[in-house]
Amino acid sequence: MSNHVFRKAALIVAIAAVATAAFAQKSTSASAKAATAAAAAPWPTRPVKIMVGFPGGSTPDLVARAIAEPLSKALGQPVIVENRPGAGGNIAADIVAKSTDQHTLGVMINGNLTIARLLNPKTPYDPAKDLAPISLIGTAPLVLAAPANAPGATSQDFLVDARNAGNKWSYGSPGIGTVGHIGMELFKTKTNIDPVHVPYPGNPQVVTAMIGGQIQLALLPPALVTQQVKAGKLRAIGVTSLGRSPLAPEIPSLSESGVSNFQLEIWTAMAGPSTLPKPIIAKLSALVSEIVRTPEMRQKLYAQGWQTVGSSAEGLANRMKSDTNLLGGIIMMRNIKVD
């Protein structure tokens, strides 16, 4: 083949390469413009749905409904709360995780966003991969409660009696894998007490059993304990925050009773599917954070037993990670599983 032919072939290849590069650049530019346009597109374009994995009147339901009205005003679209109870809130969380309409969110509790799959490998979603954190709404410690006639003049004395009782005592929780259950197992490692776990359908049944003397202790929400303490039916041993909680300032912290480095909180938060575009997550995070920090919402959530937070999406992500590590360690140590 002559040099002329070689030069002609090389020229054709060069022209083709330039054309391909130009086309690729144009395609990349078009994709970038499309992504930018999608990010700048108005949102929401229709009603927004908040999934709640518990019945109407439950704590997560009350939180979702309290936020729905101001969020609707801020977004300019109706915000509808839909209850889909079951599996400790995981049914609703799975619906959120698999949603692709960009208009489905969820108000969830600790377990749905942290240890769901650690407790049950069959859980159909992975909190770390399938859910996008939006904002930590509120937190609350738990209170170690006992029957009103529990032994021991002080909280320290009560813990000594609990230690001496070994497995002759029992504690109640709203079920295997709940924070009340895992938290008590963590508490047992901190104090060397060994009461036997008795699961109940919910906290009301736990309280009834404790008042009736069937169980000797439990970790319960402050609002529930303080009502029963005032009625003379329960005794508050200590609260699981590092210091006294604004939600129950009259109850000493467990650290005051000599239990060091023990902190446990229940919390509620908003999340969406992991496919939710980042601009939408940022918008929602800012709005929810602003809403829950208003004096009116602070008062409303306080009445429901929550200390408001209103974190950024990153703040919730960090809390999810730290709680997964803490509670996950206890799940593995105690071999806790939910079928």
C-alpha atoms as a PDB file:
ATOM      1  CA  MET A   1       0.000   0.000   0.000  1.00  0.00           C
ATOM      2  CA  SER A   2       1.408   3.457  -0.979  1.00  0.00           C
ATOM      3  CA  ASN A   3       2.259   6.236   1.494  1.00  0.00           C
ATOM      4  CA  HIS A   4      -0.570   8.257  -0.033  1.00  0.00           C
ATOM      5  CA  VAL A   5      -3.087   5.579   0.901  1.00  0.00           C
ATOM      6  CA  PHE A   6      -1.654   5.345   4.447  1.00  0.00           C
ATOM      7  CA  ARG A   7      -1.936   9.114   4.879  1.00  0.00           C
ATOM      8  CA  LYS A   8      -5.513   9.071   3.592  1.00  0.00           C
ATOM      9  CA  ALA A   9      -6.505   6.258   5.993  1.00  0.00           C
ATOM     10  CA  ALA A  10      -4.866   8.042   8.922  1.00  0.00           C
ATOM     11  CA  LEU A  11      -6.728  11.226   8.048  1.00  0.00           C
ATOM     12  CA  ILE A  12     -10.046   9.370   8.003  1.00  0.00           C
ATOM     13  CA  VAL A  13      -9.303   7.811  11.413  1.00  0.00           C
ATOM     14  CA  ALA A  14      -8.378  11.193  12.844  1.00  0.00           C
ATOM     15  CA  ILE A  15     -11.549  12.821  11.545  1.00  0.00           C
ATOM     16  CA  ALA A  16     -13.639   9.982  12.987  1.00  0.00           C
ATOM     17  CA  ALA A  17     -11.931  10.341  16.362  1.00  0.00           C
ATOM     18  CA  VAL A  18     -12.611  14.074  16.463  1.00  0.00           C
ATOM     19  CA  ALA A  19     -16.243  13.511  15.488  1.00  0.00           C
ATOM     20  CA  THR A  20     -16.644  10.829  18.176  1.00  0.00           C
ATOM     21  CA  ALA A  21     -15.102  13.082  20.831  1.00  0.00           C
ATOM     22  CA  ALA A  22     -17.339  15.969  19.811  1.00  0.00           C
ATOM     23  CA  PHE A  23     -20.407  13.738  19.949  1.00  0.00           C
ATOM     24  CA  ALA A  24     -19.385  12.386  23.381  1.00  0.00           C
ATOM     25  CA  GLN A  25     -18.809  15.914  24.678  1.00  0.00           C
ATOM     26  CA  LYS A  26     -22.168  16.996  23.322  1.00  0.00           C
ATOM     27  CA  SER A  27     -23.872  13.961  24.921  1.00  0.00           C
ATOM     28  CA  THR A  28     -22.145  14.604  28.273  1.00  0.00           C
ATOM     29  CA  SER A  29     -23.122  18.245  28.088  1.00  0.00           C
ATOM     30  CA  ALA A  30     -26.709  17.271  27.303  1.00  0.00           C
ATOM     31  CA  SER A  31     -26.763  14.836  30.244  1.00  0.00           C
ATOM     32  CA  ALA A  32     -25.369  17.472  32.571  1.00  0.00           C
ATOM     33  CA  LYS A  33     -27.970  19.966  31.386  1.00  0.00           C
ATOM     34  CA  ALA A  34     -30.711  17.378  31.883  1.00  0.00           C
ATOM     35  CA  ALA A  35     -29.504  16.652  35.432  1.00  0.00           C
ATOM     36  CA  THR A  36     -29.330  20.359  36.214  1.00  0.00           C
ATOM     37  CA  ALA A  37     -32.807  20.879  34.807  1.00  0.00           C
ATOM     38  CA  ALA A  38     -34.147  17.985  36.867  1.00  0.00           C
ATOM     39  CA  ALA A  39     -32.575  19.415  40.012  1.00  0.00           C
ATOM     40  CA  ALA A  40     -34.044  22.834  39.288  1.00  0.00           C
ATOM     41  CA  ALA A  41     -37.496  21.461  38.417  1.00  0.00           C
ATOM     42  CA  PRO A  42     -40.321  22.471  40.762  1.00  0.00           C
ATOM     43  CA  TRP A  43     -40.966  20.033  43.597  1.00  0.00           C
ATOM     44  CA  PRO A  44     -43.400  18.812  44.780  1.00  0.00           C
ATOM     45  CA  THR A  45     -45.697  18.594  41.790  1.00  0.00           C
ATOM     46  CA  ARG A  46     -48.462  16.676  43.599  1.00  0.00           C
ATOM     47  CA  PRO A  47     -49.511  15.697  47.134  1.00  0.00           C
ATOM     48  CA  VAL A  48     -46.757  14.340  49.384  1.00  0.00           C
ATOM     49  CA  LYS A  49     -47.392  11.150  51.362  1.00  0.00           C
ATOM     50  CA  ILE A  50     -45.895  10.432  54.805  1.00  0.00           C
ATOM     51  CA  MET A  51     -45.935   6.740  55.643  1.00  0.00           C
ATOM     52  CA  VAL A  52     -46.211   5.742  59.320  1.00  0.00           C
ATOM     53  CA  GLY A  53     -45.647   2.156  60.381  1.00  0.00           C
ATOM     54  CA  PHE A  54     -47.850   2.333  63.465  1.00  0.00           C
ATOM     55  CA  PRO A  55     -51.586   2.827  64.135  1.00  0.00           C
ATOM     56  CA  GLY A  56     -53.344   6.155  64.424  1.00  0.00           C
ATOM     57  CA  GLY A  57     -52.743   7.726  67.829  1.00  0.00           C
ATOM     58  CA  SER A  58     -49.312   6.139  68.207  1.00  0.00           C
ATOM     59  CA  THR A  59     -46.327   8.387  68.908  1.00  0.00           C
ATOM     60  CA  PRO A  60     -44.930   8.307  65.338  1.00  0.00           C
ATOM     61  CA  ASP A  61     -48.429   8.980  63.997  1.00  0.00           C
ATOM     62  CA  LEU A  62     -48.884  12.019  66.258  1.00  0.00           C
ATOM     63  CA  VAL A  63     -45.475  13.362  65.228  1.00  0.00           C
ATOM     64  CA  ALA A  64     -46.233  12.908  61.513  1.00  0.00           C
ATOM     65  CA  ARG A  65     -49.604  14.634  61.803  1.00  0.00           C
ATOM     66  CA  ALA A  66     -48.135  17.504  63.794  1.00  0.00           C
ATOM     67  CA  ILE A  67     -45.587  18.144  61.041  1.00  0.00           C
ATOM     68  CA  ALA A  68     -47.911  17.540  58.085  1.00  0.00           C
ATOM     69  CA  GLU A  69     -49.844  20.805  58.281  1.00  0.00           C
ATOM     70  CA  PRO A  70     -46.898  23.252  58.441  1.00  0.00           C
ATOM     71  CA  LEU A  71     -44.990  21.180  55.887  1.00  0.00           C
ATOM     72  CA  SER A  72     -47.971  21.359  53.534  1.00  0.00           C
ATOM     73  CA  LYS A  73     -48.025  25.154  53.826  1.00  0.00           C
ATOM     74  CA  ALA A  74     -44.306  25.353  53.143  1.00  0.00           C
ATOM     75  CA  LEU A  75     -44.470  23.047  50.110  1.00  0.00           C
ATOM     76  CA  GLY A  76     -47.699  24.363  48.652  1.00  0.00           C
ATOM     77  CA  GLN A  77     -49.106  20.846  48.292  1.00  0.00           C
ATOM     78  CA  PRO A  78     -51.255  18.614  50.512  1.00  0.00           C
ATOM     79  CA  VAL A  79     -49.262  16.365  52.868  1.00  0.00           C
ATOM     80  CA  ILE A  80     -51.146  13.153  53.615  1.00  0.00           C
ATOM     81  CA  VAL A  81     -50.316  10.804  56.500  1.00  0.00           C
ATOM     82  CA  GLU A  82     -50.940   7.145  55.704  1.00  0.00           C
ATOM     83  CA  ASN A  83     -50.744   4.462  58.401  1.00  0.00           C
ATOM     84  CA  ARG A  84     -49.413   1.061  57.405  1.00  0.00           C
ATOM     85  CA  PRO A  85     -48.750  -0.713  60.730  1.00  0.00           C
ATOM     86  CA  GLY A  86     -46.923  -3.992  61.100  1.00  0.00           C
ATOM     87  CA  ALA A  87     -43.520  -5.591  61.719  1.00  0.00           C
ATOM     88  CA  GLY A  88     -42.495  -2.875  64.165  1.00  0.00           C
ATOM     89  CA  GLY A  89     -42.827  -0.197  61.503  1.00  0.00           C
ATOM     90  CA  ASN A  90     -40.786  -2.063  58.901  1.00  0.00           C
ATOM     91  CA  ILE A  91     -43.704  -2.570  56.487  1.00  0.00           C
ATOM     92  CA  ALA A  92     -44.102   1.190  56.052  1.00  0.00           C
ATOM     93  CA  ALA A  93     -40.321   1.669  55.936  1.00  0.00           C
ATOM     94  CA  ASP A  94     -40.099  -0.871  53.123  1.00  0.00           C
ATOM     95  CA  ILE A  95     -42.793   0.985  51.160  1.00  0.00           C
ATOM     96  CA  VAL A  96     -40.742   4.173  51.495  1.00  0.00           C
ATOM     97  CA  ALA A  97     -37.512   2.399  50.544  1.00  0.00           C
ATOM     98  CA  LYS A  98     -39.053   1.006  47.349  1.00  0.00           C
ATOM     99  CA  SER A  99     -40.902   4.193  46.365  1.00  0.00           C
ATOM    100  CA  THR A 100     -39.903   5.775  43.045  1.00  0.00           C
ATOM    101  CA  ASP A 101     -42.433   8.625  42.780  1.00  0.00           C
ATOM    102  CA  GLN A 102     -40.279  11.168  44.699  1.00  0.00           C
ATOM    103  CA  HIS A 103     -43.351  12.083  46.750  1.00  0.00           C
ATOM    104  CA  THR A 104     -43.331   9.333  49.404  1.00  0.00           C
ATOM    105  CA  LEU A 105     -41.604   9.919  52.741  1.00  0.00           C
ATOM    106  CA  GLY A 106     -41.719   8.250  56.139  1.00  0.00           C
ATOM    107  CA  VAL A 107     -41.711   9.151  59.818  1.00  0.00           C
ATOM    108  CA  MET A 108     -39.875   6.302  61.528  1.00  0.00           C
ATOM    109  CA  ILE A 109     -38.397   5.196  64.835  1.00  0.00           C
ATOM    110  CA  ASN A 110     -34.869   4.068  65.769  1.00  0.00           C
ATOM    111  CA  GLY A 111     -35.193   0.447  64.738  1.00  0.00           C
ATOM    112  CA  ASN A 112     -36.539   1.117  61.245  1.00  0.00           C
ATOM    113  CA  LEU A 113     -33.507   3.253  60.429  1.00  0.00           C
ATOM    114  CA  THR A 114     -30.790   1.279  62.190  1.00  0.00           C
ATOM    115  CA  ILE A 115     -31.017  -2.346  63.335  1.00  0.00           C
ATOM    116  CA  ALA A 116     -33.956  -3.699  61.305  1.00  0.00           C
ATOM    117  CA  ARG A 117     -31.874  -6.041  59.176  1.00  0.00           C
ATOM    118  CA  LEU A 118     -29.485  -6.951  62.006  1.00  0.00           C
ATOM    119  CA  LEU A 119     -32.456  -8.244  63.967  1.00  0.00           C
ATOM    120  CA  ASN A 120     -34.000 -10.034  61.021  1.00  0.00           C
ATOM    121  CA  PRO A 121     -31.926 -10.760  57.894  1.00  0.00           C
ATOM    122  CA  LYS A 122     -35.199 -11.309  56.024  1.00  0.00           C
ATOM    123  CA  THR A 123     -36.132  -7.625  56.395  1.00  0.00           C
ATOM    124  CA  PRO A 124     -36.830  -6.632  52.758  1.00  0.00           C
ATOM    125  CA  TYR A 125     -34.878  -3.360  52.881  1.00  0.00           C
ATOM    126  CA  ASP A 126     -31.466  -2.274  54.133  1.00  0.00           C
ATOM    127  CA  PRO A 127     -31.683   0.930  56.218  1.00  0.00           C
ATOM    128  CA  ALA A 128     -28.132   1.952  55.358  1.00  0.00           C
ATOM    129  CA  LYS A 129     -28.558   1.504  51.594  1.00  0.00           C
ATOM    130  CA  ASP A 130     -32.244   1.954  50.803  1.00  0.00           C
ATOM    131  CA  LEU A 131     -33.259   4.931  52.950  1.00  0.00           C
ATOM    132  CA  ALA A 132     -32.133   8.547  52.720  1.00  0.00           C
ATOM    133  CA  PRO A 133     -31.891  10.431  56.048  1.00  0.00           C
ATOM    134  CA  ILE A 134     -33.752  13.749  56.083  1.00  0.00           C
ATOM    135  CA  SER A 135     -33.983  15.002  59.678  1.00  0.00           C
ATOM    136  CA  LEU A 136     -33.882  13.750  63.265  1.00  0.00           C
ATOM    137  CA  ILE A 137     -37.121  15.158  64.670  1.00  0.00           C
ATOM    138  CA  GLY A 138     -37.114  14.378  68.389  1.00  0.00           C
ATOM    139  CA  THR A 139     -35.442  12.275  71.064  1.00  0.00           C
ATOM    140  CA  ALA A 140     -36.384  10.983  74.486  1.00  0.00           C
ATOM    141  CA  PRO A 141     -34.552   8.952  77.107  1.00  0.00           C
ATOM    142  CA  LEU A 142     -36.156   5.966  78.775  1.00  0.00           C
ATOM    143  CA  VAL A 143     -36.859   5.579  82.466  1.00  0.00           C
ATOM    144  CA  LEU A 144     -35.928   2.491  84.448  1.00  0.00           C
ATOM    145  CA  ALA A 145     -39.192   1.849  86.280  1.00  0.00           C
ATOM    146  CA  ALA A 146     -40.220  -0.585  89.007  1.00  0.00           C
ATOM    147  CA  PRO A 147     -43.364  -1.361  91.023  1.00  0.00           C
ATOM    148  CA  ALA A 148     -44.256   1.252  93.622  1.00  0.00           C
ATOM    149  CA  ASN A 149     -43.390  -1.188  96.443  1.00  0.00           C
ATOM    150  CA  ALA A 150     -39.995  -2.157  94.942  1.00  0.00           C
ATOM    151  CA  PRO A 151     -37.319  -2.928  97.561  1.00  0.00           C
ATOM    152  CA  GLY A 152     -34.440  -0.601  98.383  1.00  0.00           C
ATOM    153  CA  ALA A 153     -34.622   2.818  99.976  1.00  0.00           C
ATOM    154  CA  THR A 154     -32.533   4.386  97.181  1.00  0.00           C
ATOM    155  CA  SER A 155     -31.869   3.684  93.514  1.00  0.00           C
ATOM    156  CA  GLN A 156     -28.459   2.275  94.454  1.00  0.00           C
ATOM    157  CA  ASP A 157     -30.118  -0.073  96.938  1.00  0.00           C
ATOM    158  CA  PHE A 158     -32.611  -1.193  94.295  1.00  0.00           C
ATOM    159  CA  LEU A 159     -29.798  -2.110  91.896  1.00  0.00           C
ATOM    160  CA  VAL A 160     -28.049  -4.072  94.649  1.00  0.00           C
ATOM    161  CA  ASP A 161     -31.267  -6.018  95.262  1.00  0.00           C
ATOM    162  CA  ALA A 162     -31.654  -6.587  91.523  1.00  0.00           C
ATOM    163  CA  ARG A 163     -28.108  -7.929  91.342  1.00  0.00           C
ATOM    164  CA  ASN A 164     -28.684 -10.245  94.270  1.00  0.00           C
ATOM    165  CA  ALA A 165     -31.961 -11.507  92.762  1.00  0.00           C
ATOM    166  CA  GLY A 166     -30.203 -12.825  89.652  1.00  0.00           C
ATOM    167  CA  ASN A 167     -32.658 -14.495  87.276  1.00  0.00           C
ATOM    168  CA  LYS A 168     -35.404 -14.650  89.901  1.00  0.00           C
ATOM    169  CA  TRP A 169     -36.479 -11.194  88.727  1.00  0.00           C
ATOM    170  CA  SER A 170     -37.883 -10.438  85.287  1.00  0.00           C
ATOM    171  CA  TYR A 171     -38.253  -7.368  83.107  1.00  0.00           C
ATOM    172  CA  GLY A 172     -40.812  -6.480  80.453  1.00  0.00           C
ATOM    173  CA  SER A 173     -40.570  -4.846  77.044  1.00  0.00           C
ATOM    174  CA  PRO A 174     -42.880  -4.156  74.083  1.00  0.00           C
ATOM    175  CA  GLY A 175     -41.310  -7.090  72.267  1.00  0.00           C
ATOM    176  CA  ILE A 176     -38.104  -8.738  71.092  1.00  0.00           C
ATOM    177  CA  GLY A 177     -35.818  -6.315  69.282  1.00  0.00           C
ATOM    178  CA  THR A 178     -37.427  -3.142  70.628  1.00  0.00           C
ATOM    179  CA  VAL A 179     -35.279  -0.451  72.243  1.00  0.00           C
ATOM    180  CA  GLY A 180     -36.831  -1.404  75.583  1.00  0.00           C
ATOM    181  CA  HIS A 181     -35.535  -4.954  75.095  1.00  0.00           C
ATOM    182  CA  ILE A 182     -32.105  -4.261  73.617  1.00  0.00           C
ATOM    183  CA  GLY A 183     -31.603  -1.335  75.995  1.00  0.00           C
ATOM    184  CA  MET A 184     -32.228  -3.556  79.000  1.00  0.00           C
ATOM    185  CA  GLU A 185     -29.784  -6.135  77.682  1.00  0.00           C
ATOM    186  CA  LEU A 186     -27.219  -3.339  77.409  1.00  0.00           C
ATOM    187  CA  PHE A 187     -28.115  -2.215  80.930  1.00  0.00           C
ATOM    188  CA  LYS A 188     -27.547  -5.759  82.199  1.00  0.00           C
ATOM    189  CA  THR A 189     -23.969  -5.710  80.865  1.00  0.00           C
ATOM    190  CA  LYS A 190     -23.351  -2.380  82.620  1.00  0.00           C
ATOM    191  CA  THR A 191     -24.732  -3.415  86.020  1.00  0.00           C
ATOM    192  CA  ASN A 192     -24.283  -7.197  86.240  1.00  0.00           C
ATOM    193  CA  ILE A 193     -27.989  -7.741  86.914  1.00  0.00           C
ATOM    194  CA  ASP A 194     -29.675 -10.693  85.225  1.00  0.00           C
ATOM    195  CA  PRO A 195     -33.488 -10.442  85.101  1.00  0.00           C
ATOM    196  CA  VAL A 196     -35.312 -12.640  82.580  1.00  0.00           C
ATOM    197  CA  HIS A 197     -36.949 -10.973  79.571  1.00  0.00           C
ATOM    198  CA  VAL A 198     -40.737 -11.159  79.242  1.00  0.00           C
ATOM    199  CA  PRO A 199     -42.068  -9.664  75.971  1.00  0.00           C
ATOM    200  CA  TYR A 200     -45.507  -8.009  75.805  1.00  0.00           C
ATOM    201  CA  PRO A 201     -47.570  -6.615  72.897  1.00  0.00           C
ATOM    202  CA  GLY A 202     -46.890  -3.022  73.998  1.00  0.00           C
ATOM    203  CA  ASN A 203     -45.876  -0.703  76.822  1.00  0.00           C
ATOM    204  CA  PRO A 204     -49.411  -0.467  78.287  1.00  0.00           C
ATOM    205  CA  GLN A 205     -49.285  -4.221  78.932  1.00  0.00           C
ATOM    206  CA  VAL A 206     -45.810  -3.855  80.444  1.00  0.00           C
ATOM    207  CA  VAL A 207     -47.109  -1.245  82.885  1.00  0.00           C
ATOM    208  CA  THR A 208     -50.104  -3.403  83.811  1.00  0.00           C
ATOM    209  CA  ALA A 209     -47.842  -6.391  84.476  1.00  0.00           C
ATOM    210  CA  MET A 210     -45.505  -4.294  86.608  1.00  0.00           C
ATOM    211  CA  ILE A 211     -48.325  -2.819  88.666  1.00  0.00           C
ATOM    212  CA  GLY A 212     -49.637  -6.353  89.142  1.00  0.00           C
ATOM    213  CA  GLY A 213     -46.238  -7.585  90.342  1.00  0.00           C
ATOM    214  CA  GLN A 214     -45.589 -10.001  87.468  1.00  0.00           C
ATOM    215  CA  ILE A 215     -42.343  -8.207  86.519  1.00  0.00           C
ATOM    216  CA  GLN A 216     -39.882  -6.165  88.562  1.00  0.00           C
ATOM    217  CA  LEU A 217     -38.493  -3.596  86.126  1.00  0.00           C
ATOM    218  CA  ALA A 218     -38.682  -2.136  82.620  1.00  0.00           C
ATOM    219  CA  LEU A 219     -37.386   0.712  80.483  1.00  0.00           C
ATOM    220  CA  LEU A 220     -40.344   2.944  79.603  1.00  0.00           C
ATOM    221  CA  PRO A 221     -40.980   6.359  77.995  1.00  0.00           C
ATOM    222  CA  PRO A 222     -40.868   9.261  80.504  1.00  0.00           C
ATOM    223  CA  ALA A 223     -44.417  10.474  79.796  1.00  0.00           C
ATOM    224  CA  LEU A 224     -45.805   7.046  80.634  1.00  0.00           C
ATOM    225  CA  VAL A 225     -43.754   6.600  83.812  1.00  0.00           C
ATOM    226  CA  THR A 226     -44.332  10.055  85.300  1.00  0.00           C
ATOM    227  CA  GLN A 227     -48.106   9.622  85.070  1.00  0.00           C
ATOM    228  CA  GLN A 228     -47.947   6.310  86.915  1.00  0.00           C
ATOM    229  CA  VAL A 229     -45.475   7.621  89.502  1.00  0.00           C
ATOM    230  CA  LYS A 230     -47.781  10.533  90.304  1.00  0.00           C
ATOM    231  CA  ALA A 231     -50.626   8.043  90.677  1.00  0.00           C
ATOM    232  CA  GLY A 232     -48.512   6.056  93.147  1.00  0.00           C
ATOM    233  CA  LYS A 233     -48.466   2.941  90.934  1.00  0.00           C
ATOM    234  CA  LEU A 234     -44.840   2.927  89.761  1.00  0.00           C
ATOM    235  CA  ARG A 235     -41.435   3.972  91.034  1.00  0.00           C
ATOM    236  CA  ALA A 236     -38.877   5.723  88.846  1.00  0.00           C
ATOM    237  CA  ILE A 237     -35.371   4.387  89.456  1.00  0.00           C
ATOM    238  CA  GLY A 238     -33.505   6.560  86.967  1.00  0.00           C
ATOM    239  CA  VAL A 239     -33.484   8.071  83.500  1.00  0.00           C
ATOM    240  CA  THR A 240     -31.175   6.815  80.732  1.00  0.00           C
ATOM    241  CA  SER A 241     -29.762  10.218  79.724  1.00  0.00           C
ATOM    242  CA  LEU A 242     -26.277  11.171  80.945  1.00  0.00           C
ATOM    243  CA  GLY A 243     -27.812  13.967  83.005  1.00  0.00           C
ATOM    244  CA  ARG A 244     -31.350  14.769  84.060  1.00  0.00           C
ATOM    245  CA  SER A 245     -33.772  15.086  81.174  1.00  0.00           C
ATOM    246  CA  PRO A 246     -35.938  18.184  80.585  1.00  0.00           C
ATOM    247  CA  LEU A 247     -38.750  15.728  79.874  1.00  0.00           C
ATOM    248  CA  ALA A 248     -38.608  14.402  83.452  1.00  0.00           C
ATOM    249  CA  PRO A 249     -36.344  16.714  85.490  1.00  0.00           C
ATOM    250  CA  GLU A 250     -37.556  15.276  88.794  1.00  0.00           C
ATOM    251  CA  ILE A 251     -36.129  11.824  87.973  1.00  0.00           C
ATOM    252  CA  PRO A 252     -32.391  11.345  88.653  1.00  0.00           C
ATOM    253  CA  SER A 253     -30.180   9.993  85.898  1.00  0.00           C
ATOM    254  CA  LEU A 254     -28.878   6.468  86.258  1.00  0.00           C
ATOM    255  CA  SER A 255     -25.378   7.921  86.323  1.00  0.00           C
ATOM    256  CA  GLU A 256     -26.361   9.547  89.645  1.00  0.00           C
ATOM    257  CA  SER A 257     -27.018   6.006  90.869  1.00  0.00           C
ATOM    258  CA  GLY A 258     -23.519   4.909  89.935  1.00  0.00           C
ATOM    259  CA  VAL A 259     -24.207   3.513  86.432  1.00  0.00           C
ATOM    260  CA  SER A 260     -21.501   5.187  84.347  1.00  0.00           C
ATOM    261  CA  ASN A 261     -21.385   5.618  80.567  1.00  0.00           C
ATOM    262  CA  PHE A 262     -24.934   4.471  79.999  1.00  0.00           C
ATOM    263  CA  GLN A 263     -26.985   6.565  77.613  1.00  0.00           C
ATOM    264  CA  LEU A 264     -29.990   5.366  75.661  1.00  0.00           C
ATOM    265  CA  GLU A 265     -32.627   7.268  73.736  1.00  0.00           C
ATOM    266  CA  ILE A 266     -35.608   6.521  71.598  1.00  0.00           C
ATOM    267  CA  TRP A 267     -36.081   8.849  68.651  1.00  0.00           C
ATOM    268  CA  THR A 268     -38.222   9.612  65.648  1.00  0.00           C
ATOM    269  CA  ALA A 269     -37.046  10.908  62.290  1.00  0.00           C
ATOM    270  CA  MET A 270     -38.044  11.578  58.703  1.00  0.00           C
ATOM    271  CA  ALA A 271     -36.492   9.644  55.834  1.00  0.00           C
ATOM    272  CA  GLY A 272     -37.120   9.014  52.157  1.00  0.00           C
ATOM    273  CA  PRO A 273     -35.997   6.479  49.570  1.00  0.00           C
ATOM    274  CA  SER A 274     -32.294   6.471  48.725  1.00  0.00           C
ATOM    275  CA  THR A 275     -33.230   7.380  45.133  1.00  0.00           C
ATOM    276  CA  LEU A 276     -34.614  10.745  46.244  1.00  0.00           C
ATOM    277  CA  PRO A 277     -32.576  13.488  44.493  1.00  0.00           C
ATOM    278  CA  LYS A 278     -30.175  15.373  46.751  1.00  0.00           C
ATOM    279  CA  PRO A 279     -31.762  18.800  46.088  1.00  0.00           C
ATOM    280  CA  ILE A 280     -35.103  17.440  47.353  1.00  0.00           C
ATOM    281  CA  ILE A 281     -33.450  15.931  50.424  1.00  0.00           C
ATOM    282  CA  ALA A 282     -31.731  19.240  51.165  1.00  0.00           C
ATOM    283  CA  LYS A 283     -34.995  21.148  50.747  1.00  0.00           C
ATOM    284  CA  LEU A 284     -36.936  18.788  53.016  1.00  0.00           C
ATOM    285  CA  SER A 285     -34.185  18.692  55.623  1.00  0.00           C
ATOM    286  CA  ALA A 286     -34.135  22.482  55.875  1.00  0.00           C
ATOM    287  CA  LEU A 287     -37.932  22.732  56.050  1.00  0.00           C
ATOM    288  CA  VAL A 288     -38.447  19.976  58.639  1.00  0.00           C
ATOM    289  CA  SER A 289     -35.610  21.305  60.769  1.00  0.00           C
ATOM    290  CA  GLU A 290     -37.114  24.792  60.693  1.00  0.00           C
ATOM    291  CA  ILE A 291     -40.631  23.518  61.444  1.00  0.00           C
ATOM    292  CA  VAL A 292     -39.740  21.408  64.486  1.00  0.00           C
ATOM    293  CA  ARG A 293     -37.692  24.213  66.017  1.00  0.00           C
ATOM    294  CA  THR A 294     -40.553  26.688  66.103  1.00  0.00           C
ATOM    295  CA  PRO A 295     -41.871  27.447  69.631  1.00  0.00           C
ATOM    296  CA  GLU A 296     -45.305  26.074  68.721  1.00  0.00           C
ATOM    297  CA  MET A 297     -43.922  22.758  67.462  1.00  0.00           C
ATOM    298  CA  ARG A 298     -41.481  22.460  70.352  1.00  0.00           C
ATOM    299  CA  GLN A 299     -44.385  22.761  72.757  1.00  0.00           C
ATOM    300  CA  LYS A 300     -46.520  20.304  70.804  1.00  0.00           C
ATOM    301  CA  LEU A 301     -43.783  17.667  70.618  1.00  0.00           C
ATOM    302  CA  TYR A 302     -42.851  18.203  74.263  1.00  0.00           C
ATOM    303  CA  ALA A 303     -46.444  17.428  75.204  1.00  0.00           C
ATOM    304  CA  GLN A 304     -46.062  14.174  73.243  1.00  0.00           C
ATOM    305  CA  GLY A 305     -42.912  13.302  75.196  1.00  0.00           C
ATOM    306  CA  TRP A 306     -40.210  14.470  72.785  1.00  0.00           C
ATOM    307  CA  GLN A 307     -37.299  16.841  73.081  1.00  0.00           C
ATOM    308  CA  THR A 308     -37.039  18.440  69.638  1.00  0.00           C
ATOM    309  CA  VAL A 309     -33.876  18.287  67.551  1.00  0.00           C
ATOM    310  CA  GLY A 310     -34.492  19.180  63.893  1.00  0.00           C
ATOM    311  CA  SER A 311     -31.125  17.990  62.591  1.00  0.00           C
ATOM    312  CA  SER A 312     -29.588  18.134  59.157  1.00  0.00           C
ATOM    313  CA  ALA A 313     -29.634  15.065  56.923  1.00  0.00           C
ATOM    314  CA  GLU A 314     -25.975  14.518  57.794  1.00  0.00           C
ATOM    315  CA  GLY A 315     -26.761  14.764  61.503  1.00  0.00           C
ATOM    316  CA  LEU A 316     -29.398  12.032  61.197  1.00  0.00           C
ATOM    317  CA  ALA A 317     -27.019   9.880  59.128  1.00  0.00           C
ATOM    318  CA  ASN A 318     -24.409  10.137  61.886  1.00  0.00           C
ATOM    319  CA  ARG A 319     -26.974   9.202  64.541  1.00  0.00           C
ATOM    320  CA  MET A 320     -28.116   6.209  62.500  1.00  0.00           C
ATOM    321  CA  LYS A 321     -24.532   5.000  62.213  1.00  0.00           C
ATOM    322  CA  SER A 322     -23.676   5.413  65.901  1.00  0.00           C
ATOM    323  CA  ASP A 323     -26.897   3.745  67.093  1.00  0.00           C
ATOM    324  CA  THR A 324     -26.447   0.877  64.636  1.00  0.00           C
ATOM    325  CA  ASN A 325     -22.984   0.269  66.063  1.00  0.00           C
ATOM    326  CA  LEU A 326     -24.144   0.519  69.694  1.00  0.00           C
ATOM    327  CA  LEU A 327     -27.301  -1.565  69.483  1.00  0.00           C
ATOM    328  CA  GLY A 328     -25.879  -3.875  66.837  1.00  0.00           C
ATOM    329  CA  GLY A 329     -23.096  -4.820  69.225  1.00  0.00           C
ATOM    330  CA  ILE A 330     -25.628  -5.863  71.866  1.00  0.00           C
ATOM    331  CA  ILE A 331     -27.668  -7.792  69.277  1.00  0.00           C
ATOM    332  CA  MET A 332     -24.583  -9.784  68.320  1.00  0.00           C
ATOM    333  CA  MET A 333     -23.382 -10.258  71.904  1.00  0.00           C
ATOM    334  CA  ARG A 334     -26.776 -11.483  73.107  1.00  0.00           C
ATOM    335  CA  ASN A 335     -27.660 -13.263  69.846  1.00  0.00           C
ATOM    336  CA  ILE A 336     -30.988 -11.422  69.601  1.00  0.00           C
ATOM    337  CA  LYS A 337     -33.051 -12.397  66.565  1.00  0.00           C
ATOM    338  CA  VAL A 338     -36.585 -11.664  65.373  1.00  0.00           C
ATOM    339  CA  ASP A 339     -38.176 -14.358  63.205  1.00  0.00           C
END
